[in-house]
Amino acid sequence: MRVFLDNAPGTTRADYAGWNRAYLQYFADTDLTMGETLVPTGTAAPAAPLVRNPARPSRFALEVAILPVPGWLVEVEVDAVYPAGVTPR
């Protein structure tokens, strides 16, 4: 997962903490047996994950000067592989 962040108008830095909170709602560092969040990140209290997802893709995030569409603050690129015999939804 490659993440490109732009800073919102009037700010001097991209919202990395906000990105981490959004990421953890789908790919939480969660003990799937106990249901406990292991490593909260960001400056706000972690939100409960929307999905108990066992996949934890590797990722990096960086701040860019501008994204291709005016007003975008986040662009995410993901390479996904489905196991043989699985039909993507």
PDB file of N, CA and C in Angstrom:
ATOM      1  N   MET A   1       0.860  -1.161   0.000  1.00  0.00           N
ATOM      2  CA  MET A   1       0.000   0.000   0.000  1.00  0.00           C
ATOM      3  C   MET A   1       0.909   1.227   0.000  1.00  0.00           C
ATOM      4  N   ARG A   2       0.672   2.073  -0.990  1.00  0.00           N
ATOM      5  CA  ARG A   2       1.425   3.317  -1.086  1.00  0.00           C
ATOM      6  C   ARG A   2       0.446   4.466  -0.891  1.00  0.00           C
ATOM      7  N   VAL A   3       0.760   5.353   0.043  1.00  0.00           N
ATOM      8  CA  VAL A   3      -0.148   6.429   0.407  1.00  0.00           C
ATOM      9  C   VAL A   3       0.554   7.767   0.198  1.00  0.00           C
ATOM     10  N   PHE A   4      -0.131   8.644  -0.510  1.00  0.00           N
ATOM     11  CA  PHE A   4       0.388   9.983  -0.770  1.00  0.00           C
ATOM     12  C   PHE A   4      -0.554  10.972  -0.100  1.00  0.00           C
ATOM     13  N   LEU A   5      -0.019  11.817   0.764  1.00  0.00           N
ATOM     14  CA  LEU A   5      -0.821  12.761   1.534  1.00  0.00           C
ATOM     15  C   LEU A   5      -0.470  14.188   1.145  1.00  0.00           C
ATOM     16  N   ASP A   6      -1.491  15.026   0.979  1.00  0.00           N
ATOM     17  CA  ASP A   6      -1.307  16.452   0.753  1.00  0.00           C
ATOM     18  C   ASP A   6      -1.815  17.161   2.000  1.00  0.00           C
ATOM     19  N   ASN A   7      -1.257  18.326   2.297  1.00  0.00           N
ATOM     20  CA  ASN A   7      -1.759  19.046   3.465  1.00  0.00           C
ATOM     21  C   ASN A   7      -3.015  19.829   3.081  1.00  0.00           C
ATOM     22  N   ALA A   8      -3.947  19.887   4.019  1.00  0.00           N
ATOM     23  CA  ALA A   8      -5.193  20.612   3.798  1.00  0.00           C
ATOM     24  C   ALA A   8      -4.907  22.108   3.700  1.00  0.00           C
ATOM     25  N   PRO A   9      -5.738  22.859   2.981  1.00  0.00           N
ATOM     26  CA  PRO A   9      -5.526  24.304   2.897  1.00  0.00           C
ATOM     27  C   PRO A   9      -5.433  24.928   4.288  1.00  0.00           C
ATOM     28  N   GLY A  10      -4.464  25.790   4.463  1.00  0.00           N
ATOM     29  CA  GLY A  10      -4.271  26.466   5.742  1.00  0.00           C
ATOM     30  C   GLY A  10      -3.436  25.697   6.740  1.00  0.00           C
ATOM     31  N   THR A  11      -2.980  24.497   6.370  1.00  0.00           N
ATOM     32  CA  THR A  11      -2.128  23.720   7.273  1.00  0.00           C
ATOM     33  C   THR A  11      -0.727  23.626   6.687  1.00  0.00           C
ATOM     34  N   THR A  12       0.220  23.297   7.534  1.00  0.00           N
ATOM     35  CA  THR A  12       1.608  23.214   7.083  1.00  0.00           C
ATOM     36  C   THR A  12       2.092  21.782   6.929  1.00  0.00           C
ATOM     37  N   ARG A  13       1.242  20.822   7.300  1.00  0.00           N
ATOM     38  CA  ARG A  13       1.665  19.434   7.276  1.00  0.00           C
ATOM     39  C   ARG A  13       0.469  18.532   6.982  1.00  0.00           C
ATOM     40  N   ALA A  14       0.729  17.416   6.314  1.00  0.00           N
ATOM     41  CA  ALA A  14      -0.317  16.427   6.058  1.00  0.00           C
ATOM     42  C   ALA A  14      -0.759  15.795   7.375  1.00  0.00           C
ATOM     43  N   ASP A  15      -1.972  15.292   7.394  1.00  0.00           N
ATOM     44  CA  ASP A  15      -2.563  14.718   8.608  1.00  0.00           C
ATOM     45  C   ASP A  15      -2.224  13.225   8.719  1.00  0.00           C
ATOM     46  N   TYR A  16      -0.992  12.927   9.141  1.00  0.00           N
ATOM     47  CA  TYR A  16      -0.557  11.531   9.290  1.00  0.00           C
ATOM     48  C   TYR A  16      -1.370  10.814  10.365  1.00  0.00           C
ATOM     49  N   ALA A  17      -1.670  11.502  11.458  1.00  0.00           N
ATOM     50  CA  ALA A  17      -2.440  10.870  12.538  1.00  0.00           C
ATOM     51  C   ALA A  17      -3.839  10.507  12.047  1.00  0.00           C
ATOM     52  N   GLY A  18      -4.451  11.391  11.263  1.00  0.00           N
ATOM     53  CA  GLY A  18      -5.772  11.102  10.703  1.00  0.00           C
ATOM     54  C   GLY A  18      -5.723   9.918   9.757  1.00  0.00           C
ATOM     55  N   TRP A  19      -4.673   9.847   8.946  1.00  0.00           N
ATOM     56  CA  TRP A  19      -4.518   8.713   8.039  1.00  0.00           C
ATOM     57  C   TRP A  19      -4.376   7.420   8.842  1.00  0.00           C
ATOM     58  N   ASN A  20      -3.571   7.439   9.891  1.00  0.00           N
ATOM     59  CA  ASN A  20      -3.385   6.236  10.707  1.00  0.00           C
ATOM     60  C   ASN A  20      -4.695   5.789  11.343  1.00  0.00           C
ATOM     61  N   ARG A  21      -5.509   6.730  11.825  1.00  0.00           N
ATOM     62  CA  ARG A  21      -6.797   6.349  12.411  1.00  0.00           C
ATOM     63  C   ARG A  21      -7.697   5.715  11.357  1.00  0.00           C
ATOM     64  N   ALA A  22      -7.738   6.285  10.163  1.00  0.00           N
ATOM     65  CA  ALA A  22      -8.564   5.723   9.089  1.00  0.00           C
ATOM     66  C   ALA A  22      -8.064   4.331   8.706  1.00  0.00           C
ATOM     67  N   TYR A  23      -6.754   4.171   8.572  1.00  0.00           N
ATOM     68  CA  TYR A  23      -6.163   2.883   8.212  1.00  0.00           C
ATOM     69  C   TYR A  23      -6.539   1.817   9.248  1.00  0.00           C
ATOM     70  N   LEU A  24      -6.420   2.168  10.513  1.00  0.00           N
ATOM     71  CA  LEU A  24      -6.660   1.187  11.573  1.00  0.00           C
ATOM     72  C   LEU A  24      -8.127   0.786  11.684  1.00  0.00           C
ATOM     73  N   GLN A  25      -9.039   1.552  11.102  1.00  0.00           N
ATOM     74  CA  GLN A  25     -10.441   1.123  11.116  1.00  0.00           C
ATOM     75  C   GLN A  25     -10.653  -0.087  10.212  1.00  0.00           C
ATOM     76  N   TYR A  26      -9.769  -0.314   9.242  1.00  0.00           N
ATOM     77  CA  TYR A  26      -9.895  -1.460   8.340  1.00  0.00           C
ATOM     78  C   TYR A  26      -8.782  -2.484   8.509  1.00  0.00           C
ATOM     79  N   PHE A  27      -7.629  -2.038   8.955  1.00  0.00           N
ATOM     80  CA  PHE A  27      -6.477  -2.932   9.104  1.00  0.00           C
ATOM     81  C   PHE A  27      -5.876  -2.761  10.493  1.00  0.00           C
ATOM     82  N   ALA A  28      -6.694  -2.892  11.519  1.00  0.00           N
ATOM     83  CA  ALA A  28      -6.233  -2.658  12.883  1.00  0.00           C
ATOM     84  C   ALA A  28      -5.209  -3.694  13.301  1.00  0.00           C
ATOM     85  N   ASP A  29      -4.253  -3.244  14.090  1.00  0.00           N
ATOM     86  CA  ASP A  29      -3.318  -4.171  14.704  1.00  0.00           C
ATOM     87  C   ASP A  29      -4.055  -4.784  15.891  1.00  0.00           C
ATOM     88  N   THR A  30      -4.879  -5.785  15.579  1.00  0.00           N
ATOM     89  CA  THR A  30      -5.809  -6.356  16.550  1.00  0.00           C
ATOM     90  C   THR A  30      -5.520  -7.836  16.747  1.00  0.00           C
ATOM     91  N   ASP A  31      -5.562  -8.262  17.993  1.00  0.00           N
ATOM     92  CA  ASP A  31      -5.501  -9.678  18.305  1.00  0.00           C
ATOM     93  C   ASP A  31      -6.854 -10.258  17.922  1.00  0.00           C
ATOM     94  N   LEU A  32      -6.900 -11.035  16.846  1.00  0.00           N
ATOM     95  CA  LEU A  32      -8.181 -11.507  16.326  1.00  0.00           C
ATOM     96  C   LEU A  32      -8.834 -12.534  17.235  1.00  0.00           C
ATOM     97  N   THR A  33      -8.077 -13.147  18.151  1.00  0.00           N
ATOM     98  CA  THR A  33      -8.644 -14.094  19.103  1.00  0.00           C
ATOM     99  C   THR A  33      -9.301 -13.360  20.263  1.00  0.00           C
ATOM    100  N   MET A  34      -8.598 -12.374  20.802  1.00  0.00           N
ATOM    101  CA  MET A  34      -9.082 -11.643  21.977  1.00  0.00           C
ATOM    102  C   MET A  34      -9.891 -10.400  21.601  1.00  0.00           C
ATOM    103  N   GLY A  35      -9.703  -9.896  20.369  1.00  0.00           N
ATOM    104  CA  GLY A  35     -10.416  -8.695  19.953  1.00  0.00           C
ATOM    105  C   GLY A  35      -9.863  -7.412  20.526  1.00  0.00           C
ATOM    106  N   GLU A  36      -8.634  -7.448  21.043  1.00  0.00           N
ATOM    107  CA  GLU A  36      -8.040  -6.261  21.651  1.00  0.00           C
ATOM    108  C   GLU A  36      -7.126  -5.559  20.658  1.00  0.00           C
ATOM    109  N   THR A  37      -7.211  -4.231  20.626  1.00  0.00           N
ATOM    110  CA  THR A  37      -6.293  -3.459  19.804  1.00  0.00           C
ATOM    111  C   THR A  37      -4.945  -3.443  20.498  1.00  0.00           C
ATOM    112  N   LEU A  38      -3.899  -3.823  19.760  1.00  0.00           N
ATOM    113  CA  LEU A  38      -2.578  -3.959  20.353  1.00  0.00           C
ATOM    114  C   LEU A  38      -1.771  -2.676  20.314  1.00  0.00           C
ATOM    115  N   VAL A  39      -1.788  -1.980  19.191  1.00  0.00           N
ATOM    116  CA  VAL A  39      -0.953  -0.794  19.045  1.00  0.00           C
ATOM    117  C   VAL A  39      -1.773   0.350  18.479  1.00  0.00           C
ATOM    118  N   PRO A  40      -2.368   1.193  19.333  1.00  0.00           N
ATOM    119  CA  PRO A  40      -3.050   2.366  18.807  1.00  0.00           C
ATOM    120  C   PRO A  40      -2.020   3.362  18.295  1.00  0.00           C
ATOM    121  N   THR A  41      -2.345   4.062  17.214  1.00  0.00           N
ATOM    122  CA  THR A  41      -1.441   5.091  16.701  1.00  0.00           C
ATOM    123  C   THR A  41      -2.222   6.368  16.488  1.00  0.00           C
ATOM    124  N   GLY A  42      -1.516   7.454  16.286  1.00  0.00           N
ATOM    125  CA  GLY A  42      -2.145   8.753  16.085  1.00  0.00           C
ATOM    126  C   GLY A  42      -2.310   9.465  17.413  1.00  0.00           C
ATOM    127  N   THR A  43      -2.821  10.675  17.350  1.00  0.00           N
ATOM    128  CA  THR A  43      -2.916  11.502  18.551  1.00  0.00           C
ATOM    129  C   THR A  43      -4.284  11.428  19.210  1.00  0.00           C
ATOM    130  N   ALA A  44      -5.300  10.952  18.502  1.00  0.00           N
ATOM    131  CA  ALA A  44      -6.635  10.820  19.085  1.00  0.00           C
ATOM    132  C   ALA A  44      -6.824   9.387  19.581  1.00  0.00           C
ATOM    133  N   ALA A  45      -7.809   9.216  20.422  1.00  0.00           N
ATOM    134  CA  ALA A  45      -8.107   7.861  20.899  1.00  0.00           C
ATOM    135  C   ALA A  45      -8.470   6.987  19.714  1.00  0.00           C
ATOM    136  N   PRO A  46      -8.010   5.725  19.684  1.00  0.00           N
ATOM    137  CA  PRO A  46      -8.330   4.869  18.542  1.00  0.00           C
ATOM    138  C   PRO A  46      -9.813   4.561  18.495  1.00  0.00           C
ATOM    139  N   ALA A  47     -10.352   4.540  17.288  1.00  0.00           N
ATOM    140  CA  ALA A  47     -11.747   4.144  17.081  1.00  0.00           C
ATOM    141  C   ALA A  47     -11.791   2.633  16.981  1.00  0.00           C
ATOM    142  N   ALA A  48     -12.912   2.065  17.340  1.00  0.00           N
ATOM    143  CA  ALA A  48     -13.053   0.622  17.200  1.00  0.00           C
ATOM    144  C   ALA A  48     -12.947   0.263  15.728  1.00  0.00           C
ATOM    145  N   PRO A  49     -12.240  -0.814  15.406  1.00  0.00           N
ATOM    146  CA  PRO A  49     -12.144  -1.217  13.997  1.00  0.00           C
ATOM    147  C   PRO A  49     -13.525  -1.511  13.420  1.00  0.00           C
ATOM    148  N   LEU A  50     -13.740  -1.101  12.176  1.00  0.00           N
ATOM    149  CA  LEU A  50     -14.991  -1.399  11.486  1.00  0.00           C
ATOM    150  C   LEU A  50     -15.023  -2.854  11.051  1.00  0.00           C
ATOM    151  N   VAL A  51     -13.834  -3.416  10.833  1.00  0.00           N
ATOM    152  CA  VAL A  51     -13.699  -4.778  10.321  1.00  0.00           C
ATOM    153  C   VAL A  51     -12.582  -5.467  11.103  1.00  0.00           C
ATOM    154  N   ARG A  52     -12.800  -6.708  11.506  1.00  0.00           N
ATOM    155  CA  ARG A  52     -11.715  -7.515  12.082  1.00  0.00           C
ATOM    156  C   ARG A  52     -11.018  -8.184  10.914  1.00  0.00           C
ATOM    157  N   ASN A  53     -10.026  -7.535  10.382  1.00  0.00           N
ATOM    158  CA  ASN A  53      -9.391  -7.957   9.145  1.00  0.00           C
ATOM    159  C   ASN A  53      -8.038  -8.603   9.454  1.00  0.00           C
ATOM    160  N   PRO A  54      -7.845  -9.879   9.120  1.00  0.00           N
ATOM    161  CA  PRO A  54      -6.565 -10.527   9.408  1.00  0.00           C
ATOM    162  C   PRO A  54      -5.445 -10.053   8.487  1.00  0.00           C
ATOM    163  N   ALA A  55      -5.780  -9.408   7.381  1.00  0.00           N
ATOM    164  CA  ALA A  55      -4.745  -8.919   6.459  1.00  0.00           C
ATOM    165  C   ALA A  55      -4.182  -7.607   6.983  1.00  0.00           C
ATOM    166  N   ARG A  56      -2.879  -7.522   6.988  1.00  0.00           N
ATOM    167  CA  ARG A  56      -2.216  -6.283   7.385  1.00  0.00           C
ATOM    168  C   ARG A  56      -1.175  -5.959   6.325  1.00  0.00           C
ATOM    169  N   PRO A  57      -1.588  -5.232   5.290  1.00  0.00           N
ATOM    170  CA  PRO A  57      -0.658  -4.973   4.197  1.00  0.00           C
ATOM    171  C   PRO A  57       0.492  -4.086   4.646  1.00  0.00           C
ATOM    172  N   SER A  58       1.644  -4.319   4.031  1.00  0.00           N
ATOM    173  CA  SER A  58       2.746  -3.404   4.276  1.00  0.00           C
ATOM    174  C   SER A  58       2.371  -2.071   3.642  1.00  0.00           C
ATOM    175  N   ARG A  59       2.882  -0.990   4.199  1.00  0.00           N
ATOM    176  CA  ARG A  59       2.493   0.315   3.708  1.00  0.00           C
ATOM    177  C   ARG A  59       3.577   1.338   3.960  1.00  0.00           C
ATOM    178  N   PHE A  60       3.512   2.399   3.190  1.00  0.00           N
ATOM    179  CA  PHE A  60       4.316   3.577   3.488  1.00  0.00           C
ATOM    180  C   PHE A  60       3.480   4.790   3.120  1.00  0.00           C
ATOM    181  N   ALA A  61       3.731   5.894   3.788  1.00  0.00           N
ATOM    182  CA  ALA A  61       3.013   7.131   3.509  1.00  0.00           C
ATOM    183  C   ALA A  61       4.023   8.255   3.408  1.00  0.00           C
ATOM    184  N   LEU A  62       3.786   9.144   2.465  1.00  0.00           N
ATOM    185  CA  LEU A  62       4.653  10.309   2.344  1.00  0.00           C
ATOM    186  C   LEU A  62       3.833  11.509   1.924  1.00  0.00           C
ATOM    187  N   GLU A  63       4.343  12.669   2.271  1.00  0.00           N
ATOM    188  CA  GLU A  63       3.679  13.910   1.927  1.00  0.00           C
ATOM    189  C   GLU A  63       4.172  14.372   0.562  1.00  0.00           C
ATOM    190  N   VAL A  64       3.232  14.813  -0.268  1.00  0.00           N
ATOM    191  CA  VAL A  64       3.573  15.301  -1.601  1.00  0.00           C
ATOM    192  C   VAL A  64       3.139  16.760  -1.725  1.00  0.00           C
ATOM    193  N   ALA A  65       3.685  17.450  -2.711  1.00  0.00           N
ATOM    194  CA  ALA A  65       3.374  18.859  -2.907  1.00  0.00           C
ATOM    195  C   ALA A  65       1.972  19.058  -3.458  1.00  0.00           C
ATOM    196  N   ILE A  66       1.518  18.134  -4.307  1.00  0.00           N
ATOM    197  CA  ILE A  66       0.196  18.263  -4.906  1.00  0.00           C
ATOM    198  C   ILE A  66      -0.242  16.894  -5.419  1.00  0.00           C
ATOM    199  N   LEU A  67      -1.535  16.622  -5.329  1.00  0.00           N
ATOM    200  CA  LEU A  67      -2.101  15.397  -5.878  1.00  0.00           C
ATOM    201  C   LEU A  67      -2.781  15.711  -7.209  1.00  0.00           C
ATOM    202  N   PRO A  68      -3.042  14.698  -8.041  1.00  0.00           N
ATOM    203  CA  PRO A  68      -3.529  14.955  -9.394  1.00  0.00           C
ATOM    204  C   PRO A  68      -4.907  15.605  -9.490  1.00  0.00           C
ATOM    205  N   VAL A  69      -5.746  15.447  -8.475  1.00  0.00           N
ATOM    206  CA  VAL A  69      -7.093  16.015  -8.526  1.00  0.00           C
ATOM    207  C   VAL A  69      -7.186  17.124  -7.479  1.00  0.00           C
ATOM    208  N   PRO A  70      -7.548  18.345  -7.892  1.00  0.00           N
ATOM    209  CA  PRO A  70      -7.665  19.437  -6.916  1.00  0.00           C
ATOM    210  C   PRO A  70      -8.616  19.065  -5.779  1.00  0.00           C
ATOM    211  N   GLY A  71      -8.197  19.339  -4.563  1.00  0.00           N
ATOM    212  CA  GLY A  71      -9.014  19.057  -3.389  1.00  0.00           C
ATOM    213  C   GLY A  71      -8.747  17.716  -2.732  1.00  0.00           C
ATOM    214  N   TRP A  72      -8.108  16.802  -3.452  1.00  0.00           N
ATOM    215  CA  TRP A  72      -7.765  15.520  -2.826  1.00  0.00           C
ATOM    216  C   TRP A  72      -6.717  15.748  -1.751  1.00  0.00           C
ATOM    217  N   LEU A  73      -6.851  15.039  -0.643  1.00  0.00           N
ATOM    218  CA  LEU A  73      -5.843  15.075   0.417  1.00  0.00           C
ATOM    219  C   LEU A  73      -5.115  13.749   0.540  1.00  0.00           C
ATOM    220  N   VAL A  74      -5.713  12.675   0.004  1.00  0.00           N
ATOM    221  CA  VAL A  74      -5.128  11.335   0.123  1.00  0.00           C
ATOM    222  C   VAL A  74      -5.266  10.608  -1.208  1.00  0.00           C
ATOM    223  N   GLU A  75      -4.202   9.946  -1.613  1.00  0.00           N
ATOM    224  CA  GLU A  75      -4.257   9.012  -2.739  1.00  0.00           C
ATOM    225  C   GLU A  75      -3.630   7.714  -2.258  1.00  0.00           C
ATOM    226  N   VAL A  76      -4.303   6.596  -2.516  1.00  0.00           N
ATOM    227  CA  VAL A  76      -3.835   5.291  -2.059  1.00  0.00           C
ATOM    228  C   VAL A  76      -3.693   4.374  -3.267  1.00  0.00           C
ATOM    229  N   GLU A  77      -2.549   3.732  -3.367  1.00  0.00           N
ATOM    230  CA  GLU A  77      -2.320   2.709  -4.390  1.00  0.00           C
ATOM    231  C   GLU A  77      -2.129   1.388  -3.666  1.00  0.00           C
ATOM    232  N   VAL A  78      -2.813   0.355  -4.147  1.00  0.00           N
ATOM    233  CA  VAL A  78      -2.743  -0.952  -3.497  1.00  0.00           C
ATOM    234  C   VAL A  78      -2.556  -2.026  -4.554  1.00  0.00           C
ATOM    235  N   ASP A  79      -1.659  -2.955  -4.294  1.00  0.00           N
ATOM    236  CA  ASP A  79      -1.534  -4.171  -5.097  1.00  0.00           C
ATOM    237  C   ASP A  79      -2.193  -5.281  -4.303  1.00  0.00           C
ATOM    238  N   ALA A  80      -3.190  -5.942  -4.894  1.00  0.00           N
ATOM    239  CA  ALA A  80      -3.904  -7.006  -4.191  1.00  0.00           C
ATOM    240  C   ALA A  80      -3.807  -8.298  -4.998  1.00  0.00           C
ATOM    241  N   VAL A  81      -3.725  -9.405  -4.283  1.00  0.00           N
ATOM    242  CA  VAL A  81      -3.667 -10.716  -4.895  1.00  0.00           C
ATOM    243  C   VAL A  81      -4.756 -11.580  -4.259  1.00  0.00           C
ATOM    244  N   TYR A  82      -5.553 -12.224  -5.092  1.00  0.00           N
ATOM    245  CA  TYR A  82      -6.564 -13.137  -4.607  1.00  0.00           C
ATOM    246  C   TYR A  82      -6.046 -14.556  -4.748  1.00  0.00           C
ATOM    247  N   PRO A  83      -6.291 -15.411  -3.750  1.00  0.00           N
ATOM    248  CA  PRO A  83      -5.895 -16.812  -3.867  1.00  0.00           C
ATOM    249  C   PRO A  83      -6.631 -17.483  -5.030  1.00  0.00           C
ATOM    250  N   ALA A  84      -6.033 -18.509  -5.567  1.00  0.00           N
ATOM    251  CA  ALA A  84      -6.657 -19.256  -6.667  1.00  0.00           C
ATOM    252  C   ALA A  84      -8.041 -19.728  -6.238  1.00  0.00           C
ATOM    253  N   GLY A  85      -9.014 -19.584  -7.106  1.00  0.00           N
ATOM    254  CA  GLY A  85     -10.359 -20.043  -6.828  1.00  0.00           C
ATOM    255  C   GLY A  85     -11.235 -19.048  -6.107  1.00  0.00           C
ATOM    256  N   VAL A  86     -10.685 -17.896  -5.684  1.00  0.00           N
ATOM    257  CA  VAL A  86     -11.468 -16.882  -4.991  1.00  0.00           C
ATOM    258  C   VAL A  86     -11.871 -15.823  -6.001  1.00  0.00           C
ATOM    259  N   THR A  87     -13.156 -15.502  -6.039  1.00  0.00           N
ATOM    260  CA  THR A  87     -13.650 -14.471  -6.938  1.00  0.00           C
ATOM    261  C   THR A  87     -13.767 -13.162  -6.175  1.00  0.00           C
ATOM    262  N   PRO A  88     -13.100 -12.103  -6.645  1.00  0.00           N
ATOM    263  CA  PRO A  88     -13.224 -10.816  -5.957  1.00  0.00           C
ATOM    264  C   PRO A  88     -14.650 -10.297  -6.021  1.00  0.00           C
ATOM    265  N   ARG A  89     -15.084  -9.622  -4.980  1.00  0.00           N
ATOM    266  CA  ARG A  89     -16.437  -9.044  -4.948  1.00  0.00           C
ATOM    267  C   ARG A  89     -16.427  -7.674  -5.541  1.00  0.00           C
TER     268      ARG A  89
END
